[in-house]
C-alpha atoms as a PDB file:
ATOM      1  CA  MET A   1     108.607 209.293 196.028  1.00  0.00           C
ATOM      2  CA  ARG A   2     107.506 205.725 196.783  1.00  0.00           C
ATOM      3  CA  SER A   3     104.598 205.239 199.172  1.00  0.00           C
ATOM      4  CA  VAL A   4     104.017 202.252 201.409  1.00  0.00           C
ATOM      5  CA  VAL A   5     100.525 201.301 202.567  1.00  0.00           C
ATOM      6  CA  VAL A   6     100.389 200.081 206.137  1.00  0.00           C
ATOM      7  CA  LYS A   7      97.416 198.941 208.169  1.00  0.00           C
ATOM      8  CA  ALA A   8      96.388 201.503 210.788  1.00  0.00           C
ATOM      9  CA  VAL A   9      96.381 200.082 214.293  1.00  0.00           C
ATOM     10  CA  GLY A  10      94.749 202.500 216.704  1.00  0.00           C
ATOM     11  CA  PRO A  11      95.033 206.273 216.610  1.00  0.00           C
ATOM     12  CA  THR A  12      98.305 207.826 215.546  1.00  0.00           C
ATOM     13  CA  ALA A  13      99.729 211.317 215.466  1.00  0.00           C
ATOM     14  CA  CYS A  14     102.150 210.589 212.627  1.00  0.00           C
ATOM     15  CA  ALA A  15     102.421 213.721 210.488  1.00  0.00           C
ATOM     16  CA  ASP A  16     103.754 211.675 207.543  1.00  0.00           C
ATOM     17  CA  ALA A  17     100.635 209.498 207.306  1.00  0.00           C
ATOM     18  CA  VAL A  18      97.589 210.264 205.180  1.00  0.00           C
ATOM     19  CA  GLN A  19      94.264 208.582 205.946  1.00  0.00           C
ATOM     20  CA  THR A  20      92.697 206.635 203.073  1.00  0.00           C
ATOM     21  CA  GLY A  21      89.075 205.558 202.719  1.00  0.00           C
ATOM     22  CA  GLN A  22      89.769 201.939 203.750  1.00  0.00           C
ATOM     23  CA  GLY A  23      91.115 202.694 207.239  1.00  0.00           C
ATOM     24  CA  GLN A  24      94.716 202.401 206.058  1.00  0.00           C
ATOM     25  CA  ARG A  25      97.459 204.989 206.047  1.00  0.00           C
ATOM     26  CA  VAL A  26      99.820 205.822 203.217  1.00  0.00           C
ATOM     27  CA  VAL A  27     103.233 206.567 204.691  1.00  0.00           C
ATOM     28  CA  LYS A  28     105.795 208.517 202.682  1.00  0.00           C
ATOM     29  CA  ARG A  29     109.246 207.048 203.294  1.00  0.00           C
ATOM     30  CA  PRO A  30     111.798 208.785 201.048  1.00  0.00           C
ATOM     31  CA  GLN A  31     114.681 206.685 202.402  1.00  0.00           C
ATOM     32  CA  TYR A  32     113.085 203.708 200.591  1.00  0.00           C
ATOM     33  CA  GLY A  33     113.069 205.250 197.108  1.00  0.00           C
ATOM     34  CA  PRO A  34     114.548 203.884 193.852  1.00  0.00           C
ATOM     35  CA  ALA A  35     118.158 203.952 195.065  1.00  0.00           C
ATOM     36  CA  HIS A  36     117.258 201.842 198.116  1.00  0.00           C
ATOM     37  CA  GLN A  37     115.239 199.430 195.964  1.00  0.00           C
ATOM     38  CA  ARG A  38     118.204 198.878 193.611  1.00  0.00           C
ATOM     39  CA  THR A  39     120.673 198.475 196.483  1.00  0.00           C
ATOM     40  CA  SER A  40     118.323 196.141 198.348  1.00  0.00           C
ATOM     41  CA  ALA A  41     117.760 193.922 195.294  1.00  0.00           C
ATOM     42  CA  ALA A  42     121.503 193.722 194.555  1.00  0.00           C
ATOM     43  CA  LEU A  43     122.378 192.867 198.169  1.00  0.00           C
ATOM     44  CA  ARG A  44     119.669 190.196 198.382  1.00  0.00           C
ATOM     45  CA  ALA A  45     120.865 188.632 195.125  1.00  0.00           C
ATOM     46  CA  GLU A  46     124.465 188.607 196.377  1.00  0.00           C
ATOM     47  CA  HIS A  47     123.403 187.083 199.723  1.00  0.00           C
ATOM     48  CA  VAL A  48     121.315 184.352 198.026  1.00  0.00           C
ATOM     49  CA  ALA A  49     124.131 183.544 195.588  1.00  0.00           C
ATOM     50  CA  ARG A  50     126.598 183.187 198.461  1.00  0.00           C
ATOM     51  CA  TYR A  51     124.491 181.619 201.247  1.00  0.00           C
ATOM     52  CA  GLY A  52     121.201 180.558 199.674  1.00  0.00           C
ATOM     53  CA  TRP A  53     117.736 181.545 200.897  1.00  0.00           C
ATOM     54  CA  VAL A  54     118.812 181.729 204.542  1.00  0.00           C
ATOM     55  CA  CYS A  55     118.258 184.326 207.253  1.00  0.00           C
ATOM     56  CA  PRO A  56     121.454 184.575 209.328  1.00  0.00           C
ATOM     57  CA  GLY A  57     119.380 185.089 212.472  1.00  0.00           C
ATOM     58  CA  ASP A  58     120.413 187.029 215.561  1.00  0.00           C
ATOM     59  CA  PRO A  59     121.131 185.359 218.917  1.00  0.00           C
ATOM     60  CA  ASP A  60     120.388 188.645 220.753  1.00  0.00           C
ATOM     61  CA  TYR A  61     116.777 188.292 219.568  1.00  0.00           C
ATOM     62  CA  ASP A  62     116.623 184.509 220.086  1.00  0.00           C
ATOM     63  CA  HIS A  63     116.198 184.223 216.310  1.00  0.00           C
ATOM     64  CA  PRO A  64     118.348 181.351 214.951  1.00  0.00           C
ATOM     65  CA  LEU A  65     119.621 180.887 211.414  1.00  0.00           C
ATOM     66  CA  HIS A  66     116.805 179.453 209.270  1.00  0.00           C
ATOM     67  CA  PRO A  67     115.583 179.079 205.663  1.00  0.00           C
ATOM     68  CA  SER A  68     113.597 182.074 204.397  1.00  0.00           C
ATOM     69  CA  HIS A  69     112.350 183.253 201.016  1.00  0.00           C
ATOM     70  CA  ASP A  70     111.291 186.592 202.531  1.00  0.00           C
ATOM     71  CA  LEU A  71     114.671 188.309 202.866  1.00  0.00           C
ATOM     72  CA  VAL A  72     115.046 192.089 203.111  1.00  0.00           C
ATOM     73  CA  ALA A  73     117.933 194.552 203.243  1.00  0.00           C
ATOM     74  CA  ASP A  74     117.824 196.104 206.712  1.00  0.00           C
ATOM     75  CA  HIS A  75     119.514 199.407 207.564  1.00  0.00           C
ATOM     76  CA  VAL A  76     122.126 198.689 210.264  1.00  0.00           C
ATOM     77  CA  VAL A  77     121.254 202.123 211.701  1.00  0.00           C
ATOM     78  CA  PRO A  78     117.528 202.708 210.972  1.00  0.00           C
ATOM     79  CA  GLY A  79     116.992 205.278 208.220  1.00  0.00           C
ATOM     80  CA  HIS A  80     120.719 205.797 207.588  1.00  0.00           C
ATOM     81  CA  PRO A  81     121.950 203.823 204.551  1.00  0.00           C
ATOM     82  CA  GLU A  82     125.430 205.345 204.904  1.00  0.00           C
ATOM     83  CA  HIS A  83     125.970 202.972 207.873  1.00  0.00           C
ATOM     84  CA  GLY A  84     125.352 199.918 205.695  1.00  0.00           C
ATOM     85  CA  TYR A  85     122.826 197.132 205.337  1.00  0.00           C
ATOM     86  CA  ARG A  86     122.402 193.556 206.510  1.00  0.00           C
ATOM     87  CA  ILE A  87     120.241 190.860 204.928  1.00  0.00           C
ATOM     88  CA  VAL A  88     117.686 189.332 207.305  1.00  0.00           C
ATOM     89  CA  CYS A  89     114.183 187.873 207.106  1.00  0.00           C
ATOM     90  CA  ARG A  90     111.240 190.284 207.276  1.00  0.00           C
ATOM     91  CA  THR A  91     110.281 189.034 210.757  1.00  0.00           C
ATOM     92  CA  LEU A  92     113.699 189.839 212.218  1.00  0.00           C
ATOM     93  CA  ASN A  93     113.678 193.217 210.456  1.00  0.00           C
ATOM     94  CA  ARG A  94     110.350 194.029 212.174  1.00  0.00           C
ATOM     95  CA  TRP A  95     111.832 193.074 215.552  1.00  0.00           C
ATOM     96  CA  TYR A  96     114.756 195.418 214.884  1.00  0.00           C
ATOM     97  CA  MET A  97     112.318 198.214 213.963  1.00  0.00           C
ATOM     98  CA  SER A  98     110.263 197.636 217.134  1.00  0.00           C
ATOM     99  CA  ALA A  99     113.385 197.684 219.304  1.00  0.00           C
ATOM    100  CA  SER A 100     114.673 200.906 217.721  1.00  0.00           C
ATOM    101  CA  ARG A 101     111.388 202.685 218.486  1.00  0.00           C
ATOM    102  CA  GLY A 102     111.645 202.080 222.050  1.00  0.00           C
END
């Protein structure tokens, strides 16, 4: 299982997080394992070959199309790869994640 280190911001009750000595948390995210990494890399490569290093943006988030070398494969439905992926910049992906949490 692949672990992702994220900076702890304030107290959290997340049962999936483990405190480390540097004030960071290691979060286990099985949906981002080897299969996701391969799919993500292939989709990014296909997107770059077709459109270049460009984030397609999202007018609903006032985020226009723009150049970006920090593209990620975003789950259309968070945590459910069976619903497909879209390629966006990391900033837009974070906005999507924030909006899905509430």
